[in-house]
N, C-alpha and C. Protein backbone atom coordinates (compact mmCIF):
# COMPACT_ATOMS: atom_id res chain seq x y z
N MET A 1 0.82 -1.19 0.00
CA MET A 1 0.00 0.00 0.00
C MET A 1 0.87 1.26 0.00
N LYS A 2 1.89 1.26 0.84
CA LYS A 2 2.75 2.44 0.94
C LYS A 2 3.47 2.69 -0.38
N LYS A 3 3.92 1.64 -1.03
CA LYS A 3 4.64 1.78 -2.30
C LYS A 3 3.74 2.38 -3.36
N LYS A 4 2.47 1.96 -3.42
CA LYS A 4 1.53 2.52 -4.40
C LYS A 4 1.32 4.01 -4.16
N ARG A 5 1.24 4.38 -2.90
CA ARG A 5 1.05 5.80 -2.55
C ARG A 5 2.26 6.61 -3.00
N GLU A 6 3.46 6.08 -2.81
CA GLU A 6 4.67 6.78 -3.23
C GLU A 6 4.69 6.97 -4.75
N ILE A 7 4.30 5.94 -5.49
CA ILE A 7 4.27 6.02 -6.95
C ILE A 7 3.25 7.06 -7.40
N PHE A 8 2.08 7.07 -6.76
CA PHE A 8 1.02 8.03 -7.09
C PHE A 8 1.48 9.46 -6.83
N VAL A 9 2.08 9.69 -5.67
CA VAL A 9 2.55 11.04 -5.31
C VAL A 9 3.63 11.49 -6.28
N GLN A 10 4.54 10.59 -6.64
CA GLN A 10 5.61 10.93 -7.57
C GLN A 10 5.06 11.21 -8.96
N ALA A 11 4.10 10.42 -9.41
CA ALA A 11 3.52 10.60 -10.75
C ALA A 11 2.82 11.95 -10.88
N LEU A 12 2.19 12.40 -9.80
CA LEU A 12 1.49 13.67 -9.83
C LEU A 12 2.39 14.86 -9.51
N GLY A 13 3.63 14.58 -9.11
CA GLY A 13 4.56 15.65 -8.79
C GLY A 13 4.21 16.38 -7.50
N LEU A 14 3.55 15.68 -6.58
CA LEU A 14 3.17 16.29 -5.30
C LEU A 14 4.35 16.28 -4.34
N PRO A 15 4.38 17.21 -3.39
CA PRO A 15 5.48 17.24 -2.41
C PRO A 15 5.42 16.04 -1.47
N LYS A 16 6.50 15.28 -1.42
CA LYS A 16 6.54 14.07 -0.59
C LYS A 16 6.46 14.38 0.90
N ASP A 17 7.02 15.51 1.31
CA ASP A 17 6.99 15.83 2.74
C ASP A 17 5.56 16.02 3.22
N LEU A 18 4.70 16.59 2.41
CA LEU A 18 3.32 16.81 2.81
C LEU A 18 2.45 15.57 2.65
N CYS A 19 2.61 14.87 1.55
CA CYS A 19 1.73 13.74 1.24
C CYS A 19 2.13 12.45 1.94
N LEU A 20 3.41 12.23 2.15
CA LEU A 20 3.88 10.98 2.71
C LEU A 20 4.46 11.12 4.11
N GLY A 21 4.57 12.34 4.60
CA GLY A 21 5.15 12.55 5.92
C GLY A 21 6.66 12.39 5.93
N ALA A 22 7.29 12.59 4.78
CA ALA A 22 8.74 12.45 4.68
C ALA A 22 9.44 13.54 5.47
N ALA A 23 10.52 13.17 6.10
CA ALA A 23 11.31 14.13 6.87
C ALA A 23 12.15 14.98 5.92
N ILE A 24 12.41 16.20 6.35
CA ILE A 24 13.29 17.10 5.61
C ILE A 24 14.53 17.33 6.48
N LEU A 25 15.69 16.95 5.97
CA LEU A 25 16.94 17.11 6.70
C LEU A 25 17.75 18.22 6.04
N THR A 26 18.23 19.14 6.86
CA THR A 26 19.08 20.22 6.37
C THR A 26 20.36 20.20 7.19
N ALA A 27 21.47 19.87 6.52
CA ALA A 27 22.76 19.79 7.20
C ALA A 27 23.56 21.04 6.93
N VAL A 28 24.23 21.54 7.97
CA VAL A 28 25.15 22.66 7.84
C VAL A 28 26.52 22.09 8.17
N GLY A 29 27.24 21.76 7.12
CA GLY A 29 28.54 21.11 7.32
C GLY A 29 28.36 19.78 8.03
N SER A 30 29.29 19.47 8.91
CA SER A 30 29.19 18.24 9.69
C SER A 30 28.96 18.54 11.17
N MET A 31 28.51 19.77 11.45
CA MET A 31 28.34 20.18 12.85
C MET A 31 26.89 20.42 13.26
N GLU A 32 25.96 20.47 12.31
CA GLU A 32 24.57 20.80 12.65
C GLU A 32 23.62 20.20 11.64
N ILE A 33 22.51 19.68 12.11
CA ILE A 33 21.48 19.16 11.22
C ILE A 33 20.11 19.52 11.79
N THR A 34 19.23 20.00 10.94
CA THR A 34 17.85 20.30 11.32
C THR A 34 16.96 19.27 10.67
N ILE A 35 16.06 18.69 11.44
CA ILE A 35 15.13 17.68 10.94
C ILE A 35 13.71 18.19 11.13
N GLU A 36 12.99 18.28 10.03
CA GLU A 36 11.60 18.72 10.06
C GLU A 36 10.69 17.52 9.76
N ASN A 37 9.47 17.57 10.24
CA ASN A 37 8.46 16.51 10.05
C ASN A 37 8.82 15.22 10.78
N HIS A 38 9.48 15.31 11.91
CA HIS A 38 9.77 14.08 12.67
C HIS A 38 8.54 13.68 13.47
N LYS A 39 8.50 12.41 13.85
CA LYS A 39 7.38 11.87 14.63
C LYS A 39 7.78 11.56 16.07
N GLY A 40 9.05 11.74 16.41
CA GLY A 40 9.47 11.50 17.78
C GLY A 40 10.89 11.00 17.87
N LEU A 41 11.35 10.92 19.09
CA LEU A 41 12.72 10.51 19.40
C LEU A 41 12.70 9.06 19.88
N LEU A 42 13.57 8.23 19.31
CA LEU A 42 13.64 6.82 19.70
C LEU A 42 14.81 6.53 20.63
N GLU A 43 15.94 7.19 20.40
CA GLU A 43 17.15 6.95 21.18
C GLU A 43 17.97 8.23 21.22
N TYR A 44 18.59 8.48 22.37
CA TYR A 44 19.37 9.71 22.49
C TYR A 44 20.56 9.47 23.40
N ASP A 45 21.76 9.50 22.83
CA ASP A 45 22.99 9.52 23.62
C ASP A 45 24.04 10.29 22.82
N PRO A 46 25.18 10.62 23.40
CA PRO A 46 26.15 11.50 22.73
C PRO A 46 26.75 10.94 21.43
N ASP A 47 26.59 9.62 21.20
CA ASP A 47 27.16 9.01 19.99
C ASP A 47 26.12 8.62 18.95
N CYS A 48 24.84 8.57 19.33
CA CYS A 48 23.80 8.11 18.42
C CYS A 48 22.44 8.71 18.81
N ILE A 49 21.77 9.27 17.83
CA ILE A 49 20.41 9.76 18.02
C ILE A 49 19.55 9.12 16.95
N ARG A 50 18.48 8.47 17.36
CA ARG A 50 17.55 7.83 16.42
C ARG A 50 16.21 8.55 16.47
N ILE A 51 15.67 8.83 15.29
CA ILE A 51 14.45 9.62 15.16
C ILE A 51 13.46 8.85 14.30
N LEU A 52 12.20 8.93 14.65
CA LEU A 52 11.13 8.33 13.86
C LEU A 52 10.56 9.39 12.93
N SER A 53 10.44 9.03 11.65
CA SER A 53 9.78 9.93 10.70
C SER A 53 8.61 9.19 10.09
N GLY A 54 7.86 9.84 9.23
CA GLY A 54 6.70 9.22 8.63
C GLY A 54 7.01 8.07 7.70
N MET A 55 8.21 8.06 7.11
CA MET A 55 8.56 7.04 6.13
C MET A 55 9.61 6.04 6.62
N CYS A 56 10.42 6.42 7.59
CA CYS A 56 11.49 5.54 8.04
C CYS A 56 12.01 6.01 9.41
N ARG A 57 13.03 5.33 9.86
CA ARG A 57 13.76 5.78 11.05
C ARG A 57 15.08 6.37 10.58
N ILE A 58 15.51 7.41 11.26
CA ILE A 58 16.75 8.10 10.89
C ILE A 58 17.72 7.97 12.05
N ARG A 59 18.92 7.54 11.75
CA ARG A 59 19.97 7.36 12.76
C ARG A 59 21.09 8.34 12.47
N ILE A 60 21.39 9.18 13.44
CA ILE A 60 22.49 10.14 13.32
C ILE A 60 23.60 9.63 14.22
N GLU A 61 24.78 9.38 13.64
CA GLU A 61 25.92 8.90 14.41
C GLU A 61 27.01 9.95 14.39
N GLY A 62 27.76 10.03 15.48
CA GLY A 62 28.85 10.97 15.58
C GLY A 62 29.38 11.02 16.98
N SER A 63 29.88 12.17 17.39
CA SER A 63 30.37 12.33 18.76
C SER A 63 29.92 13.69 19.29
N ASP A 64 29.79 13.77 20.59
CA ASP A 64 29.32 14.99 21.26
C ASP A 64 27.99 15.50 20.70
N LEU A 65 27.10 14.57 20.33
CA LEU A 65 25.81 14.96 19.77
C LEU A 65 24.89 15.45 20.87
N SER A 66 24.16 16.51 20.56
CA SER A 66 23.16 17.00 21.50
C SER A 66 22.02 17.62 20.71
N ILE A 67 20.86 17.63 21.32
CA ILE A 67 19.70 18.25 20.71
C ILE A 67 19.58 19.66 21.26
N SER A 68 19.84 20.65 20.41
CA SER A 68 19.81 22.03 20.89
C SER A 68 18.41 22.63 20.80
N TYR A 69 17.55 22.02 19.98
CA TYR A 69 16.16 22.46 19.90
C TYR A 69 15.29 21.25 19.61
N PHE A 70 14.17 21.12 20.31
CA PHE A 70 13.24 20.02 20.07
C PHE A 70 11.82 20.58 20.12
N GLY A 71 11.19 20.61 18.96
CA GLY A 71 9.82 21.12 18.88
C GLY A 71 8.87 20.02 18.44
N ARG A 72 7.63 20.37 18.28
CA ARG A 72 6.61 19.40 17.92
C ARG A 72 6.89 18.68 16.60
N ASP A 73 7.42 19.39 15.62
CA ASP A 73 7.70 18.75 14.34
C ASP A 73 9.09 19.05 13.77
N SER A 74 9.94 19.69 14.57
CA SER A 74 11.30 19.94 14.11
C SER A 74 12.28 19.88 15.28
N MET A 75 13.53 19.59 14.95
CA MET A 75 14.59 19.55 15.95
C MET A 75 15.91 19.92 15.30
N LYS A 76 16.84 20.38 16.14
CA LYS A 76 18.19 20.71 15.67
C LYS A 76 19.17 19.90 16.49
N ILE A 77 20.05 19.19 15.80
CA ILE A 77 21.09 18.38 16.43
C ILE A 77 22.44 19.02 16.12
N THR A 78 23.27 19.16 17.15
CA THR A 78 24.61 19.71 16.96
C THR A 78 25.64 18.71 17.49
N GLY A 79 26.86 18.87 17.06
CA GLY A 79 27.96 17.99 17.45
C GLY A 79 28.76 17.62 16.21
N ARG A 80 29.56 16.59 16.34
CA ARG A 80 30.35 16.11 15.19
C ARG A 80 29.58 14.98 14.51
N ILE A 81 28.87 15.32 13.45
CA ILE A 81 28.02 14.36 12.75
C ILE A 81 28.88 13.61 11.73
N GLN A 82 28.89 12.28 11.85
CA GLN A 82 29.69 11.46 10.95
C GLN A 82 28.83 10.68 9.95
N LYS A 83 27.64 10.24 10.38
CA LYS A 83 26.78 9.44 9.50
C LYS A 83 25.31 9.80 9.68
N ILE A 84 24.59 9.74 8.59
CA ILE A 84 23.14 9.81 8.59
C ILE A 84 22.66 8.53 7.92
N ILE A 85 21.94 7.71 8.65
CA ILE A 85 21.51 6.40 8.15
C ILE A 85 20.00 6.33 8.16
N TYR A 86 19.43 5.88 7.06
CA TYR A 86 17.98 5.68 6.97
C TYR A 86 17.71 4.19 7.17
N GLU A 87 16.96 3.87 8.21
CA GLU A 87 16.70 2.45 8.53
C GLU A 87 15.32 2.05 8.05
């Protein structure tokens, strides 16, 4: 069902973030990342932060990671970001 919805949204050229709940990640170098449209926090420690989004789980790996802002649908992570993994 989810795959059909993705194909439909893509065929019509609709924004995936609105129609599918896809997260929007904005990285500023390797020191800061802003995540919009998140659904919540799954794990939080200085080396790994896992976030739930509408389409997948997002794993941020690095060192000295911290959440400098956490809002209802957006958050900002700072630290030394080494990997962004979509699970």
